[in-house]
Amino acid sequence: MIVARAGPIPLFPIFFIERYKKMINRTDYMEGRATFAEYYGEIVGNRRPFNAEFIKRVSAALASGDEHLNTIPLKEWDNHPVGVPSQPFKDRGDFLSPAGRVCYLKVAAKLQAEEATSHEI
């Protein structure tokens, strides 16, 4: 028995195509073609590196109107033990600096806190 397939057969698996979509590079970000959240959010990807206790603090800061998470001292972001990968920065024509690390951590924390809040009942 022959089974007909509707539509063309893809030449590459979807995961392969997804990997090679155009990345937001540093120039796109610096020239305003991408926002802070878009640029660092793409670098963070699906990584969610924080423990629940820290995310509760982030959620409380966001709930109080601190969208930039500045009520959590900079020293705490600087010294946070979460590892930040440098390759995603290099892939975008950037490099991992102390400031970039803090931006990465803040966006990762916001994303994780937003997901935690959306999953609460």
PDB file of N, CA and C in Angstrom:
ATOM      1  N   MET A   1       0.836  -1.178   0.000  1.00  0.00           N
ATOM      2  CA  MET A   1       0.000   0.000   0.000  1.00  0.00           C
ATOM      3  C   MET A   1       0.885   1.246   0.000  1.00  0.00           C
ATOM      4  N   ILE A   2       0.582   2.182  -0.857  1.00  0.00           N
ATOM      5  CA  ILE A   2       1.328   3.435  -0.960  1.00  0.00           C
ATOM      6  C   ILE A   2       0.524   4.530  -0.263  1.00  0.00           C
ATOM      7  N   VAL A   3       1.222   5.274   0.602  1.00  0.00           N
ATOM      8  CA  VAL A   3       0.572   6.360   1.334  1.00  0.00           C
ATOM      9  C   VAL A   3       1.066   7.670   0.746  1.00  0.00           C
ATOM     10  N   ALA A   4       0.153   8.501   0.311  1.00  0.00           N
ATOM     11  CA  ALA A   4       0.518   9.804  -0.248  1.00  0.00           C
ATOM     12  C   ALA A   4       0.759  10.790   0.881  1.00  0.00           C
ATOM     13  N   ARG A   5       1.724  11.647   0.690  1.00  0.00           N
ATOM     14  CA  ARG A   5       2.041  12.672   1.676  1.00  0.00           C
ATOM     15  C   ARG A   5       1.680  14.036   1.080  1.00  0.00           C
ATOM     16  N   ALA A   6       0.959  14.810   1.832  1.00  0.00           N
ATOM     17  CA  ALA A   6       0.569  16.137   1.359  1.00  0.00           C
ATOM     18  C   ALA A   6       1.735  17.107   1.501  1.00  0.00           C
ATOM     19  N   GLY A   7       1.992  17.871   0.490  1.00  0.00           N
ATOM     20  CA  GLY A   7       3.028  18.901   0.551  1.00  0.00           C
ATOM     21  C   GLY A   7       4.420  18.354   0.314  1.00  0.00           C
ATOM     22  N   PRO A   8       5.364  19.253   0.137  1.00  0.00           N
ATOM     23  CA  PRO A   8       6.742  18.826  -0.130  1.00  0.00           C
ATOM     24  C   PRO A   8       7.407  18.256   1.124  1.00  0.00           C
ATOM     25  N   ILE A   9       8.349  17.407   0.915  1.00  0.00           N
ATOM     26  CA  ILE A   9       9.120  16.841   2.019  1.00  0.00           C
ATOM     27  C   ILE A   9      10.217  17.845   2.369  1.00  0.00           C
ATOM     28  N   PRO A  10      10.304  18.241   3.647  1.00  0.00           N
ATOM     29  CA  PRO A  10      11.334  19.225   4.010  1.00  0.00           C
ATOM     30  C   PRO A  10      12.735  18.648   3.815  1.00  0.00           C
ATOM     31  N   LEU A  11      13.634  19.483   3.319  1.00  0.00           N
ATOM     32  CA  LEU A  11      15.004  19.044   3.096  1.00  0.00           C
ATOM     33  C   LEU A  11      15.811  19.002   4.385  1.00  0.00           C
ATOM     34  N   PHE A  12      15.487  19.875   5.315  1.00  0.00           N
ATOM     35  CA  PHE A  12      16.194  19.925   6.584  1.00  0.00           C
ATOM     36  C   PHE A  12      15.193  19.781   7.721  1.00  0.00           C
ATOM     37  N   PRO A  13      15.579  19.086   8.770  1.00  0.00           N
ATOM     38  CA  PRO A  13      14.682  19.034   9.932  1.00  0.00           C
ATOM     39  C   PRO A  13      14.453  20.436  10.487  1.00  0.00           C
ATOM     40  N   ILE A  14      13.293  20.646  11.073  1.00  0.00           N
ATOM     41  CA  ILE A  14      12.921  21.958  11.605  1.00  0.00           C
ATOM     42  C   ILE A  14      13.946  22.470  12.618  1.00  0.00           C
ATOM     43  N   PHE A  15      14.453  21.595  13.503  1.00  0.00           N
ATOM     44  CA  PHE A  15      15.408  22.065  14.505  1.00  0.00           C
ATOM     45  C   PHE A  15      16.658  22.636  13.855  1.00  0.00           C
ATOM     46  N   PHE A  16      17.040  22.118  12.709  1.00  0.00           N
ATOM     47  CA  PHE A  16      18.213  22.625  11.995  1.00  0.00           C
ATOM     48  C   PHE A  16      17.930  24.029  11.467  1.00  0.00           C
ATOM     49  N   ILE A  17      16.748  24.212  10.910  1.00  0.00           N
ATOM     50  CA  ILE A  17      16.371  25.521  10.362  1.00  0.00           C
ATOM     51  C   ILE A  17      16.252  26.539  11.494  1.00  0.00           C
ATOM     52  N   GLU A  18      15.642  26.160  12.609  1.00  0.00           N
ATOM     53  CA  GLU A  18      15.483  27.065  13.737  1.00  0.00           C
ATOM     54  C   GLU A  18      16.834  27.572  14.227  1.00  0.00           C
ATOM     55  N   ARG A  19      17.818  26.686  14.238  1.00  0.00           N
ATOM     56  CA  ARG A  19      19.144  27.055  14.738  1.00  0.00           C
ATOM     57  C   ARG A  19      19.800  28.134  13.889  1.00  0.00           C
ATOM     58  N   TYR A  20      19.486  28.138  12.606  1.00  0.00           N
ATOM     59  CA  TYR A  20      20.170  29.065  11.704  1.00  0.00           C
ATOM     60  C   TYR A  20      19.315  30.253  11.276  1.00  0.00           C
ATOM     61  N   LYS A  21      18.263  30.535  12.017  1.00  0.00           N
ATOM     62  CA  LYS A  21      17.522  31.774  11.782  1.00  0.00           C
ATOM     63  C   LYS A  21      18.465  32.936  12.056  1.00  0.00           C
ATOM     64  N   LYS A  22      18.177  34.071  11.479  1.00  0.00           N
ATOM     65  CA  LYS A  22      19.020  35.234  11.712  1.00  0.00           C
ATOM     66  C   LYS A  22      18.986  35.626  13.179  1.00  0.00           C
ATOM     67  N   MET A  23      20.173  35.709  13.755  1.00  0.00           N
ATOM     68  CA  MET A  23      20.290  36.155  15.139  1.00  0.00           C
ATOM     69  C   MET A  23      20.272  37.671  15.190  1.00  0.00           C
ATOM     70  N   ILE A  24      19.853  38.194  16.316  1.00  0.00           N
ATOM     71  CA  ILE A  24      19.992  39.630  16.558  1.00  0.00           C
ATOM     72  C   ILE A  24      21.452  39.834  16.948  1.00  0.00           C
ATOM     73  N   ASN A  25      22.158  40.630  16.173  1.00  0.00           N
ATOM     74  CA  ASN A  25      23.567  40.857  16.517  1.00  0.00           C
ATOM     75  C   ASN A  25      23.729  42.172  17.275  1.00  0.00           C
ATOM     76  N   ARG A  26      24.936  42.410  17.735  1.00  0.00           N
ATOM     77  CA  ARG A  26      25.213  43.598  18.550  1.00  0.00           C
ATOM     78  C   ARG A  26      24.898  44.885  17.789  1.00  0.00           C
ATOM     79  N   THR A  27      25.197  44.915  16.506  1.00  0.00           N
ATOM     80  CA  THR A  27      24.924  46.107  15.689  1.00  0.00           C
ATOM     81  C   THR A  27      23.422  46.373  15.616  1.00  0.00           C
ATOM     82  N   ASP A  28      22.624  45.311  15.429  1.00  0.00           N
ATOM     83  CA  ASP A  28      21.164  45.478  15.404  1.00  0.00           C
ATOM     84  C   ASP A  28      20.690  46.137  16.700  1.00  0.00           C
ATOM     85  N   TYR A  29      21.221  45.651  17.815  1.00  0.00           N
ATOM     86  CA  TYR A  29      20.826  46.186  19.122  1.00  0.00           C
ATOM     87  C   TYR A  29      21.274  47.638  19.280  1.00  0.00           C
ATOM     88  N   MET A  30      22.517  47.921  18.982  1.00  0.00           N
ATOM     89  CA  MET A  30      23.060  49.273  19.179  1.00  0.00           C
ATOM     90  C   MET A  30      22.428  50.293  18.241  1.00  0.00           C
ATOM     91  N   GLU A  31      21.972  49.854  17.066  1.00  0.00           N
ATOM     92  CA  GLU A  31      21.351  50.780  16.117  1.00  0.00           C
ATOM     93  C   GLU A  31      19.832  50.831  16.249  1.00  0.00           C
ATOM     94  N   GLY A  32      19.297  50.214  17.306  1.00  0.00           N
ATOM     95  CA  GLY A  32      17.880  50.327  17.609  1.00  0.00           C
ATOM     96  C   GLY A  32      16.957  49.404  16.833  1.00  0.00           C
ATOM     97  N   ARG A  33      17.499  48.416  16.121  1.00  0.00           N
ATOM     98  CA  ARG A  33      16.648  47.479  15.392  1.00  0.00           C
ATOM     99  C   ARG A  33      16.163  46.342  16.292  1.00  0.00           C
ATOM    100  N   ALA A  34      16.653  46.315  17.516  1.00  0.00           N
ATOM    101  CA  ALA A  34      16.207  45.337  18.507  1.00  0.00           C
ATOM    102  C   ALA A  34      16.244  46.005  19.878  1.00  0.00           C
ATOM    103  N   THR A  35      15.322  45.625  20.725  1.00  0.00           N
ATOM    104  CA  THR A  35      15.276  46.191  22.070  1.00  0.00           C
ATOM    105  C   THR A  35      16.244  45.439  22.986  1.00  0.00           C
ATOM    106  N   PHE A  36      16.464  45.999  24.153  1.00  0.00           N
ATOM    107  CA  PHE A  36      17.276  45.363  25.189  1.00  0.00           C
ATOM    108  C   PHE A  36      16.739  43.961  25.486  1.00  0.00           C
ATOM    109  N   ALA A  37      15.422  43.876  25.704  1.00  0.00           N
ATOM    110  CA  ALA A  37      14.795  42.593  26.044  1.00  0.00           C
ATOM    111  C   ALA A  37      14.922  41.586  24.907  1.00  0.00           C
ATOM    112  N   GLU A  38      14.792  42.044  23.673  1.00  0.00           N
ATOM    113  CA  GLU A  38      14.927  41.135  22.529  1.00  0.00           C
ATOM    114  C   GLU A  38      16.347  40.610  22.404  1.00  0.00           C
ATOM    115  N   TYR A  39      17.322  41.518  22.512  1.00  0.00           N
ATOM    116  CA  TYR A  39      18.722  41.128  22.342  1.00  0.00           C
ATOM    117  C   TYR A  39      19.168  40.155  23.435  1.00  0.00           C
ATOM    118  N   TYR A  40      19.017  40.567  24.683  1.00  0.00           N
ATOM    119  CA  TYR A  40      19.469  39.705  25.778  1.00  0.00           C
ATOM    120  C   TYR A  40      18.551  38.497  25.957  1.00  0.00           C
ATOM    121  N   GLY A  41      17.273  38.640  25.649  1.00  0.00           N
ATOM    122  CA  GLY A  41      16.358  37.506  25.724  1.00  0.00           C
ATOM    123  C   GLY A  41      16.749  36.404  24.762  1.00  0.00           C
ATOM    124  N   GLU A  42      17.211  36.790  23.575  1.00  0.00           N
ATOM    125  CA  GLU A  42      17.668  35.790  22.611  1.00  0.00           C
ATOM    126  C   GLU A  42      18.941  35.096  23.107  1.00  0.00           C
ATOM    127  N   ILE A  43      19.824  35.832  23.751  1.00  0.00           N
ATOM    128  CA  ILE A  43      21.040  35.236  24.301  1.00  0.00           C
ATOM    129  C   ILE A  43      20.693  34.287  25.441  1.00  0.00           C
ATOM    130  N   VAL A  44      19.770  34.692  26.289  1.00  0.00           N
ATOM    131  CA  VAL A  44      19.344  33.836  27.413  1.00  0.00           C
ATOM    132  C   VAL A  44      18.686  32.564  26.883  1.00  0.00           C
ATOM    133  N   GLY A  45      17.867  32.705  25.850  1.00  0.00           N
ATOM    134  CA  GLY A  45      17.191  31.542  25.284  1.00  0.00           C
ATOM    135  C   GLY A  45      16.293  30.869  26.308  1.00  0.00           C
ATOM    136  N   ASN A  46      16.410  29.566  26.429  1.00  0.00           N
ATOM    137  CA  ASN A  46      15.547  28.836  27.365  1.00  0.00           C
ATOM    138  C   ASN A  46      16.253  28.517  28.680  1.00  0.00           C
ATOM    139  N   ARG A  47      17.366  29.163  28.960  1.00  0.00           N
ATOM    140  CA  ARG A  47      18.070  28.939  30.224  1.00  0.00           C
ATOM    141  C   ARG A  47      17.319  29.622  31.364  1.00  0.00           C
ATOM    142  N   ARG A  48      17.133  28.905  32.447  1.00  0.00           N
ATOM    143  CA  ARG A  48      16.468  29.445  33.633  1.00  0.00           C
ATOM    144  C   ARG A  48      17.317  29.054  34.833  1.00  0.00           C
ATOM    145  N   PRO A  49      18.344  29.856  35.144  1.00  0.00           N
ATOM    146  CA  PRO A  49      19.394  29.425  36.074  1.00  0.00           C
ATOM    147  C   PRO A  49      19.187  29.687  37.564  1.00  0.00           C
ATOM    148  N   PHE A  50      18.093  30.320  37.960  1.00  0.00           N
ATOM    149  CA  PHE A  50      17.969  30.771  39.348  1.00  0.00           C
ATOM    150  C   PHE A  50      17.141  29.827  40.203  1.00  0.00           C
ATOM    151  N   ASN A  51      17.431  29.839  41.501  1.00  0.00           N
ATOM    152  CA  ASN A  51      16.641  29.027  42.430  1.00  0.00           C
ATOM    153  C   ASN A  51      15.349  29.766  42.782  1.00  0.00           C
ATOM    154  N   ALA A  52      14.417  29.025  43.350  1.00  0.00           N
ATOM    155  CA  ALA A  52      13.083  29.566  43.651  1.00  0.00           C
ATOM    156  C   ALA A  52      13.128  30.743  44.623  1.00  0.00           C
ATOM    157  N   GLU A  53      14.016  30.693  45.588  1.00  0.00           N
ATOM    158  CA  GLU A  53      14.120  31.780  46.579  1.00  0.00           C
ATOM    159  C   GLU A  53      14.500  33.107  45.908  1.00  0.00           C
ATOM    160  N   PHE A  54      15.469  33.063  45.029  1.00  0.00           N
ATOM    161  CA  PHE A  54      15.890  34.276  44.328  1.00  0.00           C
ATOM    162  C   PHE A  54      14.769  34.780  43.421  1.00  0.00           C
ATOM    163  N   ILE A  55      14.082  33.871  42.750  1.00  0.00           N
ATOM    164  CA  ILE A  55      12.990  34.267  41.853  1.00  0.00           C
ATOM    165  C   ILE A  55      11.844  34.908  42.630  1.00  0.00           C
ATOM    166  N   LYS A  56      11.608  34.493  43.859  1.00  0.00           N
ATOM    167  CA  LYS A  56      10.588  35.154  44.688  1.00  0.00           C
ATOM    168  C   LYS A  56      10.971  36.610  44.928  1.00  0.00           C
ATOM    169  N   ARG A  57      12.253  36.863  45.173  1.00  0.00           N
ATOM    170  CA  ARG A  57      12.719  38.247  45.375  1.00  0.00           C
ATOM    171  C   ARG A  57      12.565  39.054  44.094  1.00  0.00           C
ATOM    172  N   VAL A  58      12.894  38.452  42.974  1.00  0.00           N
ATOM    173  CA  VAL A  58      12.754  39.130  41.676  1.00  0.00           C
ATOM    174  C   VAL A  58      11.282  39.436  41.417  1.00  0.00           C
ATOM    175  N   SER A  59      10.411  38.473  41.672  1.00  0.00           N
ATOM    176  CA  SER A  59       8.969  38.681  41.473  1.00  0.00           C
ATOM    177  C   SER A  59       8.448  39.816  42.356  1.00  0.00           C
ATOM    178  N   ALA A  60       8.925  39.858  43.603  1.00  0.00           N
ATOM    179  CA  ALA A  60       8.510  40.932  44.513  1.00  0.00           C
ATOM    180  C   ALA A  60       8.988  42.291  44.000  1.00  0.00           C
ATOM    181  N   ALA A  61      10.208  42.351  43.502  1.00  0.00           N
ATOM    182  CA  ALA A  61      10.737  43.608  42.952  1.00  0.00           C
ATOM    183  C   ALA A  61       9.906  44.047  41.748  1.00  0.00           C
ATOM    184  N   LEU A  62       9.598  43.119  40.866  1.00  0.00           N
ATOM    185  CA  LEU A  62       8.791  43.452  39.688  1.00  0.00           C
ATOM    186  C   LEU A  62       7.389  43.899  40.095  1.00  0.00           C
ATOM    187  N   ALA A  63       6.801  43.216  41.076  1.00  0.00           N
ATOM    188  CA  ALA A  63       5.452  43.569  41.543  1.00  0.00           C
ATOM    189  C   ALA A  63       5.411  44.957  42.172  1.00  0.00           C
ATOM    190  N   SER A  64       6.539  45.379  42.749  1.00  0.00           N
ATOM    191  CA  SER A  64       6.582  46.706  43.372  1.00  0.00           C
ATOM    192  C   SER A  64       6.867  47.818  42.357  1.00  0.00           C
ATOM    193  N   GLY A  65       7.006  47.438  41.084  1.00  0.00           N
ATOM    194  CA  GLY A  65       7.226  48.433  40.042  1.00  0.00           C
ATOM    195  C   GLY A  65       8.678  48.606  39.617  1.00  0.00           C
ATOM    196  N   ASP A  66       9.559  47.789  40.158  1.00  0.00           N
ATOM    197  CA  ASP A  66      10.983  47.884  39.811  1.00  0.00           C
ATOM    198  C   ASP A  66      11.277  47.052  38.563  1.00  0.00           C
ATOM    199  N   GLU A  67      10.935  47.598  37.401  1.00  0.00           N
ATOM    200  CA  GLU A  67      11.090  46.845  36.152  1.00  0.00           C
ATOM    201  C   GLU A  67      12.548  46.588  35.775  1.00  0.00           C
ATOM    202  N   HIS A  68      13.483  47.364  36.328  1.00  0.00           N
ATOM    203  CA  HIS A  68      14.905  47.191  36.003  1.00  0.00           C
ATOM    204  C   HIS A  68      15.658  46.395  37.074  1.00  0.00           C
ATOM    205  N   LEU A  69      14.940  45.975  38.096  1.00  0.00           N
ATOM    206  CA  LEU A  69      15.495  45.158  39.187  1.00  0.00           C
ATOM    207  C   LEU A  69      16.649  45.847  39.914  1.00  0.00           C
ATOM    208  N   ASN A  70      16.558  47.165  40.018  1.00  0.00           N
ATOM    209  CA  ASN A  70      17.613  47.927  40.692  1.00  0.00           C
ATOM    210  C   ASN A  70      17.516  47.890  42.214  1.00  0.00           C
ATOM    211  N   THR A  71      16.413  47.360  42.751  1.00  0.00           N
ATOM    212  CA  THR A  71      16.318  47.217  44.208  1.00  0.00           C
ATOM    213  C   THR A  71      17.161  46.039  44.698  1.00  0.00           C
ATOM    214  N   ILE A  72      17.553  45.178  43.787  1.00  0.00           N
ATOM    215  CA  ILE A  72      18.518  44.123  44.116  1.00  0.00           C
ATOM    216  C   ILE A  72      19.882  44.737  43.834  1.00  0.00           C
ATOM    217  N   PRO A  73      20.732  44.854  44.847  1.00  0.00           N
ATOM    218  CA  PRO A  73      22.000  45.580  44.691  1.00  0.00           C
ATOM    219  C   PRO A  73      22.875  45.039  43.553  1.00  0.00           C
ATOM    220  N   LEU A  74      23.534  45.958  42.868  1.00  0.00           N
ATOM    221  CA  LEU A  74      24.419  45.592  41.765  1.00  0.00           C
ATOM    222  C   LEU A  74      25.486  44.592  42.213  1.00  0.00           C
ATOM    223  N   LYS A  75      25.981  44.764  43.421  1.00  0.00           N
ATOM    224  CA  LYS A  75      27.000  43.852  43.948  1.00  0.00           C
ATOM    225  C   LYS A  75      26.488  42.410  43.969  1.00  0.00           C
ATOM    226  N   GLU A  76      25.200  42.267  44.251  1.00  0.00           N
ATOM    227  CA  GLU A  76      24.616  40.919  44.270  1.00  0.00           C
ATOM    228  C   GLU A  76      24.562  40.314  42.863  1.00  0.00           C
ATOM    229  N   TRP A  77      24.232  41.133  41.867  1.00  0.00           N
ATOM    230  CA  TRP A  77      24.251  40.643  40.487  1.00  0.00           C
ATOM    231  C   TRP A  77      25.682  40.303  40.075  1.00  0.00           C
ATOM    232  N   ASP A  78      26.617  41.202  40.411  1.00  0.00           N
ATOM    233  CA  ASP A  78      28.027  40.975  40.058  1.00  0.00           C
ATOM    234  C   ASP A  78      28.569  39.677  40.641  1.00  0.00           C
ATOM    235  N   ASN A  79      28.146  39.355  41.861  1.00  0.00           N
ATOM    236  CA  ASN A  79      28.691  38.191  42.567  1.00  0.00           C
ATOM    237  C   ASN A  79      27.805  36.954  42.487  1.00  0.00           C
ATOM    238  N   HIS A  80      26.745  37.012  41.704  1.00  0.00           N
ATOM    239  CA  HIS A  80      25.848  35.857  41.625  1.00  0.00           C
ATOM    240  C   HIS A  80      26.599  34.678  41.015  1.00  0.00           C
ATOM    241  N   PRO A  81      26.443  33.481  41.602  1.00  0.00           N
ATOM    242  CA  PRO A  81      27.233  32.334  41.152  1.00  0.00           C
ATOM    243  C   PRO A  81      26.799  31.694  39.833  1.00  0.00           C
ATOM    244  N   VAL A  82      25.753  32.195  39.211  1.00  0.00           N
ATOM    245  CA  VAL A  82      25.294  31.607  37.951  1.00  0.00           C
ATOM    246  C   VAL A  82      26.339  31.840  36.861  1.00  0.00           C
ATOM    247  N   GLY A  83      26.664  30.785  36.155  1.00  0.00           N
ATOM    248  CA  GLY A  83      27.594  30.903  35.032  1.00  0.00           C
ATOM    249  C   GLY A  83      26.886  31.480  33.816  1.00  0.00           C
ATOM    250  N   VAL A  84      27.549  32.361  33.121  1.00  0.00           N
ATOM    251  CA  VAL A  84      26.992  32.972  31.917  1.00  0.00           C
ATOM    252  C   VAL A  84      27.862  32.550  30.733  1.00  0.00           C
ATOM    253  N   PRO A  85      27.268  31.910  29.726  1.00  0.00           N
ATOM    254  CA  PRO A  85      28.063  31.448  28.581  1.00  0.00           C
ATOM    255  C   PRO A  85      28.544  32.618  27.722  1.00  0.00           C
ATOM    256  N   SER A  86      29.783  32.544  27.281  1.00  0.00           N
ATOM    257  CA  SER A  86      30.322  33.629  26.454  1.00  0.00           C
ATOM    258  C   SER A  86      30.058  33.421  24.964  1.00  0.00           C
ATOM    259  N   GLN A  87      29.876  32.184  24.532  1.00  0.00           N
ATOM    260  CA  GLN A  87      29.730  31.919  23.095  1.00  0.00           C
ATOM    261  C   GLN A  87      28.534  32.627  22.459  1.00  0.00           C
ATOM    262  N   PRO A  88      27.363  32.671  23.107  1.00  0.00           N
ATOM    263  CA  PRO A  88      26.249  33.402  22.474  1.00  0.00           C
ATOM    264  C   PRO A  88      26.568  34.880  22.230  1.00  0.00           C
ATOM    265  N   PHE A  89      27.381  35.479  23.077  1.00  0.00           N
ATOM    266  CA  PHE A  89      27.807  36.866  22.862  1.00  0.00           C
ATOM    267  C   PHE A  89      28.730  36.940  21.645  1.00  0.00           C
ATOM    268  N   LYS A  90      29.705  36.040  21.590  1.00  0.00           N
ATOM    269  CA  LYS A  90      30.657  36.015  20.467  1.00  0.00           C
ATOM    270  C   LYS A  90      29.934  35.791  19.144  1.00  0.00           C
ATOM    271  N   ASP A  91      28.927  34.911  19.148  1.00  0.00           N
ATOM    272  CA  ASP A  91      28.168  34.620  17.927  1.00  0.00           C
ATOM    273  C   ASP A  91      27.477  35.858  17.371  1.00  0.00           C
ATOM    274  N   ARG A  92      27.265  36.863  18.219  1.00  0.00           N
ATOM    275  CA  ARG A  92      26.556  38.079  17.826  1.00  0.00           C
ATOM    276  C   ARG A  92      27.479  39.276  17.634  1.00  0.00           C
ATOM    277  N   GLY A  93      28.793  39.022  17.615  1.00  0.00           N
ATOM    278  CA  GLY A  93      29.738  40.118  17.450  1.00  0.00           C
ATOM    279  C   GLY A  93      29.932  40.921  18.719  1.00  0.00           C
ATOM    280  N   ASP A  94      29.692  40.312  19.853  1.00  0.00           N
ATOM    281  CA  ASP A  94      29.788  40.955  21.147  1.00  0.00           C
ATOM    282  C   ASP A  94      30.788  40.168  21.983  1.00  0.00           C
ATOM    283  N   PHE A  95      30.982  40.576  23.198  1.00  0.00           N
ATOM    284  CA  PHE A  95      31.824  39.817  24.120  1.00  0.00           C
ATOM    285  C   PHE A  95      31.195  39.918  25.500  1.00  0.00           C
ATOM    286  N   LEU A  96      31.519  38.957  26.331  1.00  0.00           N
ATOM    287  CA  LEU A  96      30.955  38.937  27.674  1.00  0.00           C
ATOM    288  C   LEU A  96      31.760  39.856  28.581  1.00  0.00           C
ATOM    289  N   SER A  97      31.122  40.933  29.011  1.00  0.00           N
ATOM    290  CA  SER A  97      31.733  41.892  29.928  1.00  0.00           C
ATOM    291  C   SER A  97      30.977  41.808  31.252  1.00  0.00           C
ATOM    292  N   PRO A  98      31.493  42.430  32.301  1.00  0.00           N
ATOM    293  CA  PRO A  98      30.729  42.460  33.558  1.00  0.00           C
ATOM    294  C   PRO A  98      29.336  43.089  33.384  1.00  0.00           C
ATOM    295  N   ALA A  99      29.244  44.144  32.583  1.00  0.00           N
ATOM    296  CA  ALA A  99      27.937  44.782  32.346  1.00  0.00           C
ATOM    297  C   ALA A  99      27.018  43.856  31.564  1.00  0.00           C
ATOM    298  N   GLY A 100      27.549  43.199  30.535  1.00  0.00           N
ATOM    299  CA  GLY A 100      26.759  42.260  29.746  1.00  0.00           C
ATOM    300  C   GLY A 100      26.278  41.088  30.587  1.00  0.00           C
ATOM    301  N   ARG A 101      27.113  40.665  31.531  1.00  0.00           N
ATOM    302  CA  ARG A 101      26.748  39.577  32.434  1.00  0.00           C
ATOM    303  C   ARG A 101      25.546  39.981  33.294  1.00  0.00           C
ATOM    304  N   VAL A 102      25.570  41.201  33.816  1.00  0.00           N
ATOM    305  CA  VAL A 102      24.454  41.679  34.639  1.00  0.00           C
ATOM    306  C   VAL A 102      23.193  41.789  33.785  1.00  0.00           C
ATOM    307  N   CYS A 103      23.309  42.291  32.578  1.00  0.00           N
ATOM    308  CA  CYS A 103      22.148  42.383  31.681  1.00  0.00           C
ATOM    309  C   CYS A 103      21.565  40.996  31.427  1.00  0.00           C
ATOM    310  N   TYR A 104      22.442  40.037  31.133  1.00  0.00           N
ATOM    311  CA  TYR A 104      22.023  38.655  30.908  1.00  0.00           C
ATOM    312  C   TYR A 104      21.272  38.124  32.126  1.00  0.00           C
ATOM    313  N   LEU A 105      21.864  38.304  33.315  1.00  0.00           N
ATOM    314  CA  LEU A 105      21.260  37.776  34.541  1.00  0.00           C
ATOM    315  C   LEU A 105      19.907  38.426  34.825  1.00  0.00           C
ATOM    316  N   LYS A 106      19.805  39.735  34.620  1.00  0.00           N
ATOM    317  CA  LYS A 106      18.536  40.416  34.888  1.00  0.00           C
ATOM    318  C   LYS A 106      17.437  39.955  33.931  1.00  0.00           C
ATOM    319  N   VAL A 107      17.774  39.796  32.661  1.00  0.00           N
ATOM    320  CA  VAL A 107      16.765  39.327  31.706  1.00  0.00           C
ATOM    321  C   VAL A 107      16.380  37.883  32.013  1.00  0.00           C
ATOM    322  N   ALA A 108      17.365  37.039  32.323  1.00  0.00           N
ATOM    323  CA  ALA A 108      17.062  35.650  32.679  1.00  0.00           C
ATOM    324  C   ALA A 108      16.160  35.596  33.914  1.00  0.00           C
ATOM    325  N   ALA A 109      16.456  36.427  34.903  1.00  0.00           N
ATOM    326  CA  ALA A 109      15.654  36.454  36.134  1.00  0.00           C
ATOM    327  C   ALA A 109      14.232  36.932  35.853  1.00  0.00           C
ATOM    328  N   LYS A 110      14.095  37.975  35.027  1.00  0.00           N
ATOM    329  CA  LYS A 110      12.760  38.473  34.696  1.00  0.00           C
ATOM    330  C   LYS A 110      11.944  37.414  33.960  1.00  0.00           C
ATOM    331  N   LEU A 111      12.560  36.760  32.994  1.00  0.00           N
ATOM    332  CA  LEU A 111      11.856  35.721  32.241  1.00  0.00           C
ATOM    333  C   LEU A 111      11.421  34.588  33.164  1.00  0.00           C
ATOM    334  N   GLN A 112      12.331  34.173  34.034  1.00  0.00           N
ATOM    335  CA  GLN A 112      12.027  33.078  34.944  1.00  0.00           C
ATOM    336  C   GLN A 112      10.933  33.482  35.933  1.00  0.00           C
ATOM    337  N   ALA A 113      10.988  34.702  36.426  1.00  0.00           N
ATOM    338  CA  ALA A 113       9.963  35.186  37.364  1.00  0.00           C
ATOM    339  C   ALA A 113       8.595  35.293  36.679  1.00  0.00           C
ATOM    340  N   GLU A 114       8.575  35.783  35.433  1.00  0.00           N
ATOM    341  CA  GLU A 114       7.317  35.893  34.695  1.00  0.00           C
ATOM    342  C   GLU A 114       6.717  34.513  34.455  1.00  0.00           C
ATOM    343  N   GLU A 115       7.567  33.535  34.138  1.00  0.00           N
ATOM    344  CA  GLU A 115       7.066  32.172  33.932  1.00  0.00           C
ATOM    345  C   GLU A 115       6.544  31.587  35.240  1.00  0.00           C
ATOM    346  N   ALA A 116       7.269  31.814  36.330  1.00  0.00           N
ATOM    347  CA  ALA A 116       6.837  31.298  37.630  1.00  0.00           C
ATOM    348  C   ALA A 116       5.503  31.903  38.036  1.00  0.00           C
ATOM    349  N   THR A 117       5.327  33.190  37.771  1.00  0.00           N
ATOM    350  CA  THR A 117       4.089  33.879  38.124  1.00  0.00           C
ATOM    351  C   THR A 117       2.934  33.363  37.270  1.00  0.00           C
ATOM    352  N   SER A 118       3.201  33.101  35.996  1.00  0.00           N
ATOM    353  CA  SER A 118       2.123  32.632  35.104  1.00  0.00           C
ATOM    354  C   SER A 118       1.712  31.202  35.414  1.00  0.00           C
ATOM    355  N   HIS A 119       2.573  30.443  36.118  1.00  0.00           N
ATOM    356  CA  HIS A 119       2.241  29.060  36.449  1.00  0.00           C
ATOM    357  C   HIS A 119       1.609  28.910  37.842  1.00  0.00           C
ATOM    358  N   GLU A 120       1.541  30.001  38.583  1.00  0.00           N
ATOM    359  CA  GLU A 120       0.916  29.944  39.913  1.00  0.00           C
ATOM    360  C   GLU A 120      -0.600  29.847  39.762  1.00  0.00           C
ATOM    361  N   ILE A 121      -1.195  29.175  40.719  1.00  0.00           N
ATOM    362  CA  ILE A 121      -2.663  29.027  40.673  1.00  0.00           C
ATOM    363  C   ILE A 121      -3.267  29.873  41.781  1.00  0.00           C
TER     364      ILE A 121
END
